[in-house]
Protein backbone atom coordinates (compact mmCIF):
# COMPACT_ATOMS: atom_id res chain seq x y z
CA MET A 1 -17.89 -56.88 -104.35
CA ASN A 2 -15.66 -59.92 -103.82
CA ILE A 3 -13.40 -57.91 -101.50
CA LEU A 4 -16.38 -56.68 -99.48
CA LYS A 5 -17.68 -60.23 -99.25
CA GLN A 6 -14.33 -61.52 -97.98
CA PHE A 7 -14.15 -58.68 -95.46
CA TYR A 8 -17.60 -59.64 -94.19
CA PHE A 9 -16.49 -63.26 -93.75
CA PHE A 10 -13.36 -62.02 -91.98
CA LEU A 11 -15.46 -60.07 -89.45
CA ALA A 12 -17.75 -63.08 -89.04
CA ASP A 13 -14.76 -65.32 -88.32
CA LEU A 14 -13.44 -62.82 -85.79
CA PHE A 15 -16.77 -62.87 -84.00
CA LYS A 16 -16.75 -66.67 -83.92
CA SER A 17 -13.18 -66.66 -82.60
CA ARG A 18 -13.81 -63.94 -80.00
CA ARG A 19 -13.44 -66.28 -77.01
CA ILE A 20 -10.11 -67.73 -78.09
CA ILE A 21 -8.85 -64.23 -78.95
CA VAL A 22 -9.74 -63.03 -75.46
CA GLU A 23 -8.09 -66.03 -73.81
CA LEU A 24 -4.93 -65.76 -75.92
CA THR A 25 -4.77 -62.03 -75.21
CA LYS A 26 -4.95 -62.67 -71.46
CA ARG A 27 -2.24 -65.33 -71.83
CA ASP A 28 0.03 -63.06 -73.88
CA PHE A 29 -0.43 -60.17 -71.47
CA LYS A 30 0.52 -62.35 -68.51
CA ILE A 31 3.51 -63.96 -70.25
CA ARG A 32 5.03 -60.53 -70.94
CA TYR A 33 5.59 -60.01 -67.22
CA LEU A 34 5.77 -63.61 -66.01
CA GLY A 35 8.67 -64.31 -63.67
CA SER A 36 9.12 -60.75 -62.37
CA TYR A 37 8.39 -59.93 -58.72
CA LEU A 38 5.78 -57.30 -59.49
CA GLY A 39 4.24 -59.31 -62.33
CA LEU A 40 1.40 -57.51 -64.14
CA ILE A 41 1.99 -54.36 -62.08
CA TRP A 42 4.98 -53.67 -64.38
CA ALA A 43 2.52 -53.20 -67.24
CA PHE A 44 1.31 -50.01 -65.54
CA VAL A 45 4.46 -48.96 -63.68
CA GLN A 46 6.51 -48.64 -66.89
CA PRO A 47 4.06 -46.23 -68.60
CA MET A 48 3.92 -44.10 -65.46
CA VAL A 49 7.73 -43.96 -65.20
CA THR A 50 7.93 -42.93 -68.86
CA ILE A 51 5.45 -40.12 -68.31
CA LEU A 52 7.21 -38.92 -65.16
CA ILE A 53 10.59 -38.86 -66.95
CA LEU A 54 9.17 -36.83 -69.84
CA TRP A 55 7.47 -34.45 -67.42
CA PHE A 56 10.68 -33.95 -65.42
CA VAL A 57 12.91 -33.50 -68.49
CA PHE A 58 10.73 -31.05 -70.40
CA GLU A 59 8.85 -29.23 -67.63
CA VAL A 60 11.48 -29.09 -64.87
CA GLY A 61 14.76 -29.53 -66.76
CA PHE A 62 14.42 -27.83 -70.14
CA ARG A 63 11.40 -25.72 -69.15
CA ALA A 64 10.16 -26.06 -72.71
CA THR A 65 8.03 -23.24 -74.06
CA PRO A 66 4.33 -23.89 -74.77
CA VAL A 67 3.25 -25.05 -78.23
CA ASN A 68 0.06 -23.43 -79.54
CA ASN A 69 -0.48 -22.05 -76.02
CA PHE A 70 -0.46 -25.58 -74.60
CA PRO A 71 2.13 -26.81 -72.11
CA PHE A 72 4.85 -28.64 -74.02
CA ILE A 73 4.45 -31.78 -71.91
CA LEU A 74 0.78 -32.08 -72.92
CA TRP A 75 1.61 -31.44 -76.57
CA ILE A 76 4.33 -34.07 -76.65
CA MET A 77 2.33 -36.66 -74.70
CA ALA A 78 -0.59 -36.33 -77.11
CA GLY A 79 1.84 -37.31 -79.88
CA ILE A 80 4.07 -39.87 -78.22
CA ILE A 81 1.30 -42.00 -76.70
CA PRO A 82 -0.24 -43.05 -80.06
CA TRP A 83 3.29 -43.57 -81.43
CA PHE A 84 4.14 -45.93 -78.54
CA PHE A 85 0.98 -47.89 -79.30
CA PHE A 86 1.74 -48.05 -83.02
CA VAL A 87 5.29 -49.31 -82.38
CA ASP A 88 4.24 -51.80 -79.69
CA CYS A 89 1.57 -53.29 -81.96
CA LEU A 90 3.82 -53.70 -84.99
CA ALA A 91 6.92 -54.87 -83.12
CA SER A 92 5.10 -57.54 -81.10
CA ALA A 93 2.80 -58.67 -83.93
CA THR A 94 5.75 -59.13 -86.28
CA THR A 95 7.01 -62.10 -84.23
CA SER A 96 3.54 -63.44 -83.39
CA ILE A 97 3.82 -66.41 -85.78
CA VAL A 98 7.37 -67.54 -84.96
CA ASP A 99 6.69 -67.13 -81.23
CA ASN A 100 3.70 -69.47 -81.45
CA ALA A 101 5.04 -72.14 -83.77
CA PHE A 102 3.29 -74.87 -81.76
CA LEU A 103 -0.09 -73.31 -82.61
CA VAL A 104 0.77 -72.82 -86.28
CA LYS A 105 1.25 -76.57 -86.69
CA LYS A 106 -2.28 -77.24 -85.47
CA VAL A 107 -4.41 -77.70 -88.59
CA VAL A 108 -7.63 -76.46 -86.99
CA PHE A 109 -6.12 -73.28 -85.53
CA ARG A 110 -6.73 -69.98 -87.35
CA VAL A 111 -3.22 -68.55 -87.48
CA SER A 112 -4.33 -65.14 -88.78
CA ILE A 113 -5.65 -64.21 -85.32
CA LEU A 114 -2.17 -64.34 -83.73
CA PRO A 115 -1.23 -60.79 -84.85
CA ILE A 116 -4.66 -59.66 -83.61
CA VAL A 117 -3.89 -61.14 -80.18
CA LYS A 118 -0.64 -59.14 -79.98
CA ILE A 119 -2.43 -55.94 -80.99
CA ALA A 120 -5.18 -56.57 -78.42
CA SER A 121 -2.53 -57.14 -75.74
CA ALA A 122 -0.84 -53.83 -76.63
CA LEU A 123 -4.25 -52.14 -76.59
CA ILE A 124 -4.63 -52.85 -72.85
CA ILE A 125 -1.51 -50.81 -72.08
CA HIS A 126 -2.52 -48.08 -74.51
CA LEU A 127 -5.92 -47.61 -72.87
CA PHE A 128 -4.12 -47.03 -69.59
CA PHE A 129 -1.92 -44.44 -71.33
CA VAL A 130 -5.01 -42.71 -72.73
CA ALA A 131 -6.61 -42.61 -69.27
CA VAL A 132 -3.45 -41.00 -67.89
CA LEU A 133 -3.49 -38.50 -70.77
CA PHE A 134 -7.05 -37.48 -69.85
CA LEU A 135 -5.91 -37.14 -66.24
CA MET A 136 -2.94 -34.95 -67.17
CA PHE A 137 -5.10 -32.60 -69.23
CA SER A 138 -7.59 -32.29 -66.37
CA ILE A 139 -4.75 -31.53 -63.92
CA TYR A 140 -3.64 -28.70 -66.19
CA GLY A 141 -7.20 -27.37 -66.27
CA TYR A 142 -8.46 -28.67 -69.62
CA GLY A 143 -11.84 -30.36 -69.34
CA LEU A 144 -13.64 -32.87 -71.51
CA THR A 145 -15.03 -31.85 -74.91
CA LEU A 146 -16.89 -33.60 -77.71
CA TYR A 147 -13.65 -33.71 -79.71
CA HIS A 148 -12.30 -36.28 -77.26
CA LEU A 149 -14.78 -38.83 -78.65
CA GLN A 150 -12.58 -39.01 -81.74
CA VAL A 151 -10.01 -40.97 -79.75
CA LEU A 152 -12.10 -44.06 -80.55
CA TYR A 153 -11.93 -43.28 -84.26
CA TYR A 154 -8.15 -42.81 -84.28
CA LEU A 155 -7.74 -45.84 -82.06
CA PHE A 156 -9.56 -47.91 -84.67
CA ALA A 157 -7.41 -46.34 -87.41
CA ILE A 158 -4.19 -47.38 -85.64
CA VAL A 159 -5.45 -50.94 -85.12
CA PHE A 160 -6.66 -51.26 -88.73
CA LEU A 161 -3.39 -50.00 -90.22
CA ASN A 162 -1.33 -52.13 -87.86
CA LEU A 163 -3.26 -55.29 -88.66
CA GLY A 164 -2.46 -54.96 -92.35
CA LEU A 165 1.21 -54.23 -91.61
CA ALA A 166 1.35 -57.08 -89.08
CA TRP A 167 0.04 -59.64 -91.57
CA ILE A 168 2.80 -58.58 -93.96
CA SER A 169 5.66 -58.54 -91.45
CA SER A 170 4.59 -61.62 -89.44
CA SER A 171 4.30 -63.77 -92.58
CA LEU A 172 7.57 -62.55 -94.13
CA ILE A 173 9.64 -63.03 -90.97
CA VAL A 174 8.90 -66.76 -91.08
CA PHE A 175 10.98 -66.97 -94.27
CA LEU A 176 13.27 -63.93 -93.82
CA LYS A 177 14.58 -63.58 -90.28
CA ASP A 178 16.04 -60.14 -91.07
CA VAL A 179 12.53 -58.67 -91.28
CA GLY A 180 12.54 -58.04 -87.51
CA GLN A 181 15.69 -55.91 -87.70
CA ILE A 182 14.38 -54.09 -90.77
CA ILE A 183 11.11 -53.25 -88.98
CA SER A 184 13.08 -51.98 -85.98
CA MET A 185 15.22 -49.71 -88.17
CA VAL A 186 12.21 -48.38 -90.07
CA LEU A 187 10.42 -47.58 -86.80
CA GLN A 188 13.47 -45.74 -85.45
CA PHE A 189 13.71 -43.72 -88.65
CA GLY A 190 9.95 -43.14 -88.63
CA PHE A 191 10.11 -41.76 -85.11
CA TRP A 192 12.27 -38.82 -86.24
CA ILE A 193 10.49 -38.06 -89.51
CA THR A 194 7.10 -38.05 -87.77
CA PRO A 195 6.19 -34.78 -85.98
CA ILE A 196 6.28 -36.16 -82.45
CA PHE A 197 8.95 -34.04 -80.79
CA TRP A 198 8.72 -31.27 -83.38
CA SER A 199 5.94 -29.37 -85.14
CA ILE A 200 5.41 -29.67 -88.88
CA LYS A 201 5.28 -25.85 -89.00
CA MET A 202 9.03 -25.84 -88.33
CA ILE A 203 9.83 -26.99 -91.88
CA PRO A 204 9.17 -25.08 -95.14
CA GLU A 205 5.64 -25.43 -96.44
CA LYS A 206 6.83 -26.99 -99.72
CA TYR A 207 8.18 -29.99 -97.78
CA GLN A 208 5.20 -30.44 -95.48
CA GLY A 209 3.33 -32.43 -98.12
CA ILE A 210 6.08 -35.07 -98.09
CA ILE A 211 5.82 -35.47 -94.32
CA LYS A 212 2.05 -35.85 -94.58
CA LEU A 213 2.49 -38.87 -96.87
CA ASN A 214 3.52 -40.79 -93.76
CA PRO A 215 0.31 -42.47 -92.45
CA ALA A 216 1.62 -42.10 -88.89
CA TYR A 217 1.38 -38.31 -89.32
CA TYR A 218 -2.39 -38.60 -89.65
CA LEU A 219 -2.62 -40.64 -86.47
CA ILE A 220 -0.31 -38.46 -84.36
CA GLU A 221 -1.97 -35.22 -85.44
CA GLY A 222 -5.34 -36.91 -85.00
CA TYR A 223 -4.70 -37.39 -81.29
CA ARG A 224 -3.60 -33.77 -81.03
CA ASP A 225 -6.76 -32.69 -82.85
CA CYS A 226 -8.74 -34.54 -80.18
CA PHE A 227 -6.94 -33.11 -77.16
CA ILE A 228 -5.41 -29.82 -78.32
CA HIS A 229 -6.52 -28.36 -81.66
CA GLY A 230 -10.22 -29.14 -81.36
CA LYS A 231 -10.74 -30.42 -84.92
CA TRP A 232 -12.95 -33.14 -86.37
CA PHE A 233 -11.34 -35.63 -88.72
CA TRP A 234 -13.71 -34.71 -91.54
CA GLU A 235 -12.39 -31.15 -91.48
CA GLN A 236 -9.34 -32.53 -93.32
CA PRO A 237 -11.07 -34.57 -96.06
CA GLY A 238 -8.01 -34.88 -98.33
CA LEU A 239 -5.77 -36.22 -95.58
CA THR A 240 -8.49 -38.53 -94.25
CA ILE A 241 -9.23 -40.02 -97.68
CA TYR A 242 -5.50 -40.47 -98.38
CA PHE A 243 -4.95 -42.28 -95.08
CA TRP A 244 -7.82 -44.71 -95.58
CA VAL A 245 -6.84 -45.45 -99.19
CA VAL A 246 -3.34 -46.35 -97.96
CA ALA A 247 -4.63 -48.25 -94.90
CA VAL A 248 -7.18 -50.27 -96.89
CA GLY A 249 -4.56 -51.00 -99.57
CA ILE A 250 -2.12 -52.28 -96.94
CA PHE A 251 -4.89 -54.28 -95.24
CA ILE A 252 -5.91 -56.03 -98.47
CA PHE A 253 -2.33 -56.68 -99.55
CA GLY A 254 -1.44 -57.98 -96.08
CA ALA A 255 -4.45 -60.33 -96.04
CA MET A 256 -3.64 -61.68 -99.51
CA LEU A 257 0.06 -62.17 -98.71
CA PHE A 258 -0.71 -63.89 -95.41
CA ARG A 259 -3.23 -66.18 -97.07
CA LYS A 260 -0.75 -67.12 -99.80
CA LEU A 261 2.14 -67.86 -97.42
CA ARG A 262 0.07 -69.47 -94.64
CA PRO A 263 0.20 -73.05 -96.06
CA HIS A 264 4.02 -72.99 -95.90
CA PHE A 265 4.40 -71.77 -92.29
CA ALA A 266 4.38 -75.22 -90.68
CA ASP A 267 7.03 -76.55 -93.10
CA VAL A 268 9.45 -73.70 -92.37
CA LEU A 269 8.85 -73.57 -88.61
């Protein structure tokens, strides 16, 4: 009950801080591209270039064979887009405290919202990616279905998991500068052990359970369930329960760790 009570107060504080979160998100989004000639346009040009490169490489160059009767480019985009969002959230949120040291030293400022600001900033780009994904599927002749509504559910799942991870990494990096490099290495390793460019059916069934222990697997396959497989998340109750047990555990641990280390941030920075 105490945990539920604290979670309620957390949501209440977020609601009270909604204006400053919005303003800081706008500021962070602008700063990312400040100083370049095209400015904010780069935020949307880069995703489009990435998509065009993947389309050219796999559709024109390699002429990759369809996966589950779906064009390979659609199959891979449905997996790589949520992965890009996951990586962008965690990588940027990890340095959210050290990058805003001047705010940390303000006694009245709620430092715990800084990782949220980074995640919200990454969300803007991701929504554009999702819109392009819908467009690509429609170009290939695949219309809208009810399963597409699940994108909101998996979007929330990515944000929730990332927030817990971000509280852990952003608080530890204040005291251990190597955390940034460790996170980068883990994400690179995670990219190849997560079925993004390959299907889990390619490995023996006895090893598939190990791959499914990776929470990112649930998220990547979730997007493909929305756009390709036509499955509801409750059709895989075991995997769904496992993911949320892990995500909630990380969220609680991250919140506790952040709260414990928070009083020492100003002294170190």
